[in-house]
Amino acid sequence: MQLQHLKYFLQIAETGSMNRAAELLYVSQPSLSKMISGLEAELDIKIFERNNRGVALTEDGKKLYMYTKNIMKQFDLISKISSDEIPSVISISAYPNLIPADLLSRYY
């Protein structure tokens, strides 16, 4: 299983259509279907129910969708980690009270 397979799976699940997902991913529909079949074989589960209107997630597919969404969120966080990344803006939220603002400006 590769990260790209999970991205493709998410796109299909979110669009509900192999054809639409293939267009958005710039891949052919047969290769996308083949990739999903390979993923189903590797995981030994059926991910999608195919019908005339597109595809729908099975119960195992819904579990995989939740796990994959979490994995992709974690991957995005990991890809943003950089040791030389220093925030250039500090955001502070406060109640509309002048005392904390005055103290903060004096401190600064």
C-alpha atoms as a PDB file:
ATOM      1  CA  MET A   1       0.000   0.000   0.000  1.00  0.00           C
ATOM      2  CA  GLN A   2       1.276   3.414  -0.908  1.00  0.00           C
ATOM      3  CA  LEU A   3       0.257   6.869   0.221  1.00  0.00           C
ATOM      4  CA  GLN A   4      -0.862   7.670  -3.313  1.00  0.00           C
ATOM      5  CA  HIS A   5      -3.297   4.729  -3.179  1.00  0.00           C
ATOM      6  CA  LEU A   6      -4.847   6.223  -0.059  1.00  0.00           C
ATOM      7  CA  LYS A   7      -5.137   9.634  -1.756  1.00  0.00           C
ATOM      8  CA  TYR A   8      -6.871   8.012  -4.708  1.00  0.00           C
ATOM      9  CA  PHE A   9      -9.177   6.088  -2.385  1.00  0.00           C
ATOM     10  CA  LEU A  10     -10.162   9.315  -0.603  1.00  0.00           C
ATOM     11  CA  GLN A  11     -10.906  11.063  -3.881  1.00  0.00           C
ATOM     12  CA  ILE A  12     -13.177   8.240  -5.028  1.00  0.00           C
ATOM     13  CA  ALA A  13     -14.938   8.080  -1.672  1.00  0.00           C
ATOM     14  CA  GLU A  14     -15.514  11.835  -1.584  1.00  0.00           C
ATOM     15  CA  THR A  15     -16.747  12.150  -5.163  1.00  0.00           C
ATOM     16  CA  GLY A  16     -18.734   8.892  -5.166  1.00  0.00           C
ATOM     17  CA  SER A  17     -17.646   8.230  -8.727  1.00  0.00           C
ATOM     18  CA  MET A  18     -14.689   6.447 -10.300  1.00  0.00           C
ATOM     19  CA  ASN A  19     -15.014   8.515 -13.483  1.00  0.00           C
ATOM     20  CA  ARG A  20     -15.126  11.869 -11.682  1.00  0.00           C
ATOM     21  CA  ALA A  21     -12.242  10.902  -9.386  1.00  0.00           C
ATOM     22  CA  ALA A  22     -10.167   9.793 -12.386  1.00  0.00           C
ATOM     23  CA  GLU A  23     -10.757  13.188 -14.027  1.00  0.00           C
ATOM     24  CA  LEU A  24      -9.748  15.087 -10.892  1.00  0.00           C
ATOM     25  CA  LEU A  25      -6.666  12.914 -10.366  1.00  0.00           C
ATOM     26  CA  TYR A  26      -5.619  13.027 -14.040  1.00  0.00           C
ATOM     27  CA  VAL A  27      -5.480   9.248 -14.342  1.00  0.00           C
ATOM     28  CA  SER A  28      -7.451   6.842 -16.470  1.00  0.00           C
ATOM     29  CA  GLN A  29     -10.542   5.238 -14.991  1.00  0.00           C
ATOM     30  CA  PRO A  30      -9.375   1.664 -15.742  1.00  0.00           C
ATOM     31  CA  SER A  31      -6.069   2.214 -13.927  1.00  0.00           C
ATOM     32  CA  LEU A  32      -7.931   3.718 -10.960  1.00  0.00           C
ATOM     33  CA  SER A  33     -10.296   0.735 -10.845  1.00  0.00           C
ATOM     34  CA  LYS A  34      -7.326  -1.624 -11.041  1.00  0.00           C
ATOM     35  CA  MET A  35      -5.616   0.203  -8.164  1.00  0.00           C
ATOM     36  CA  ILE A  36      -8.750  -0.080  -6.008  1.00  0.00           C
ATOM     37  CA  SER A  37      -9.061  -3.778  -6.845  1.00  0.00           C
ATOM     38  CA  GLY A  38      -5.445  -4.234  -5.787  1.00  0.00           C
ATOM     39  CA  LEU A  39      -6.063  -2.351  -2.550  1.00  0.00           C
ATOM     40  CA  GLU A  40      -9.127  -4.505  -1.840  1.00  0.00           C
ATOM     41  CA  ALA A  41      -7.081  -7.649  -2.479  1.00  0.00           C
ATOM     42  CA  GLU A  42      -4.208  -6.435  -0.296  1.00  0.00           C
ATOM     43  CA  LEU A  43      -6.506  -5.562   2.611  1.00  0.00           C
ATOM     44  CA  ASP A  44      -8.793  -8.559   1.952  1.00  0.00           C
ATOM     45  CA  ILE A  45     -11.920  -6.390   2.203  1.00  0.00           C
ATOM     46  CA  LYS A  46     -14.470  -4.981  -0.202  1.00  0.00           C
ATOM     47  CA  ILE A  47     -14.184  -1.191  -0.110  1.00  0.00           C
ATOM     48  CA  PHE A  48     -16.853  -0.044  -2.573  1.00  0.00           C
ATOM     49  CA  GLU A  49     -20.250  -1.237  -3.736  1.00  0.00           C
ATOM     50  CA  ARG A  50     -20.519  -0.398  -7.403  1.00  0.00           C
ATOM     51  CA  ASN A  51     -23.902   0.648  -8.813  1.00  0.00           C
ATOM     52  CA  ASN A  52     -25.368   2.557 -11.764  1.00  0.00           C
ATOM     53  CA  ARG A  53     -24.926   5.945 -10.088  1.00  0.00           C
ATOM     54  CA  GLY A  54     -21.294   5.424  -9.023  1.00  0.00           C
ATOM     55  CA  VAL A  55     -19.806   3.838  -5.947  1.00  0.00           C
ATOM     56  CA  ALA A  56     -20.736   3.711  -2.277  1.00  0.00           C
ATOM     57  CA  LEU A  57     -18.570   2.759   0.681  1.00  0.00           C
ATOM     58  CA  THR A  58     -19.154  -0.584   2.364  1.00  0.00           C
ATOM     59  CA  GLU A  59     -18.943  -0.832   6.158  1.00  0.00           C
ATOM     60  CA  ASP A  60     -15.266  -1.805   5.845  1.00  0.00           C
ATOM     61  CA  GLY A  61     -14.830   1.041   3.380  1.00  0.00           C
ATOM     62  CA  LYS A  62     -16.256   3.501   5.913  1.00  0.00           C
ATOM     63  CA  LYS A  63     -13.743   2.313   8.514  1.00  0.00           C
ATOM     64  CA  LEU A  64     -10.930   2.624   6.002  1.00  0.00           C
ATOM     65  CA  TYR A  65     -12.146   6.124   5.096  1.00  0.00           C
ATOM     66  CA  MET A  66     -11.998   7.286   8.722  1.00  0.00           C
ATOM     67  CA  TYR A  67      -8.519   5.808   9.226  1.00  0.00           C
ATOM     68  CA  THR A  68      -7.279   7.226   5.940  1.00  0.00           C
ATOM     69  CA  LYS A  69      -8.560  10.732   6.746  1.00  0.00           C
ATOM     70  CA  ASN A  70      -6.620  10.591  10.029  1.00  0.00           C
ATOM     71  CA  ILE A  71      -3.504   9.325   8.272  1.00  0.00           C
ATOM     72  CA  MET A  72      -3.676  12.139   5.713  1.00  0.00           C
ATOM     73  CA  LYS A  73      -4.125  14.762   8.440  1.00  0.00           C
ATOM     74  CA  GLN A  74      -1.094  13.376  10.251  1.00  0.00           C
ATOM     75  CA  PHE A  75       0.886  13.305   7.007  1.00  0.00           C
ATOM     76  CA  ASP A  76       0.060  16.958   6.378  1.00  0.00           C
ATOM     77  CA  LEU A  77       1.272  17.856   9.869  1.00  0.00           C
ATOM     78  CA  ILE A  78       4.475  15.877   9.389  1.00  0.00           C
ATOM     79  CA  SER A  79       5.170  17.503   6.036  1.00  0.00           C
ATOM     80  CA  LYS A  80       4.913  20.957   7.656  1.00  0.00           C
ATOM     81  CA  ILE A  81       7.573  20.236  10.255  1.00  0.00           C
ATOM     82  CA  SER A  82      10.743  22.174   9.649  1.00  0.00           C
ATOM     83  CA  SER A  83      13.466  22.976  12.132  1.00  0.00           C
ATOM     84  CA  ASP A  84      14.123  26.391  10.617  1.00  0.00           C
ATOM     85  CA  GLU A  85      10.452  27.347  10.440  1.00  0.00           C
ATOM     86  CA  ILE A  86       9.907  30.322  12.735  1.00  0.00           C
ATOM     87  CA  PRO A  87       6.502  31.965  12.804  1.00  0.00           C
ATOM     88  CA  SER A  88       6.661  35.584  11.705  1.00  0.00           C
ATOM     89  CA  VAL A  89       3.281  36.542  13.168  1.00  0.00           C
ATOM     90  CA  ILE A  90       2.026  36.128  16.702  1.00  0.00           C
ATOM     91  CA  SER A  91      -1.733  36.126  17.170  1.00  0.00           C
ATOM     92  CA  ILE A  92      -3.166  36.997  20.566  1.00  0.00           C
ATOM     93  CA  SER A  93      -6.780  36.848  21.537  1.00  0.00           C
ATOM     94  CA  ALA A  94      -8.103  38.829  24.492  1.00  0.00           C
ATOM     95  CA  TYR A  95     -11.311  40.110  25.967  1.00  0.00           C
ATOM     96  CA  PRO A  96     -12.111  43.724  25.181  1.00  0.00           C
ATOM     97  CA  ASN A  97     -10.311  45.077  28.216  1.00  0.00           C
ATOM     98  CA  LEU A  98      -7.637  47.747  27.989  1.00  0.00           C
ATOM     99  CA  ILE A  99      -5.565  46.590  30.959  1.00  0.00           C
ATOM    100  CA  PRO A 100      -4.171  43.396  29.333  1.00  0.00           C
ATOM    101  CA  ALA A 101      -3.549  45.280  26.082  1.00  0.00           C
ATOM    102  CA  ASP A 102      -1.702  48.024  27.966  1.00  0.00           C
ATOM    103  CA  LEU A 103       0.385  45.462  29.884  1.00  0.00           C
ATOM    104  CA  LEU A 104       1.153  43.574  26.671  1.00  0.00           C
ATOM    105  CA  SER A 105       2.218  46.734  24.851  1.00  0.00           C
ATOM    106  CA  ARG A 106       4.450  47.746  27.795  1.00  0.00           C
ATOM    107  CA  TYR A 107       6.017  44.296  27.822  1.00  0.00           C
ATOM    108  CA  TYR A 108       6.659  44.423  24.100  1.00  0.00           C
END
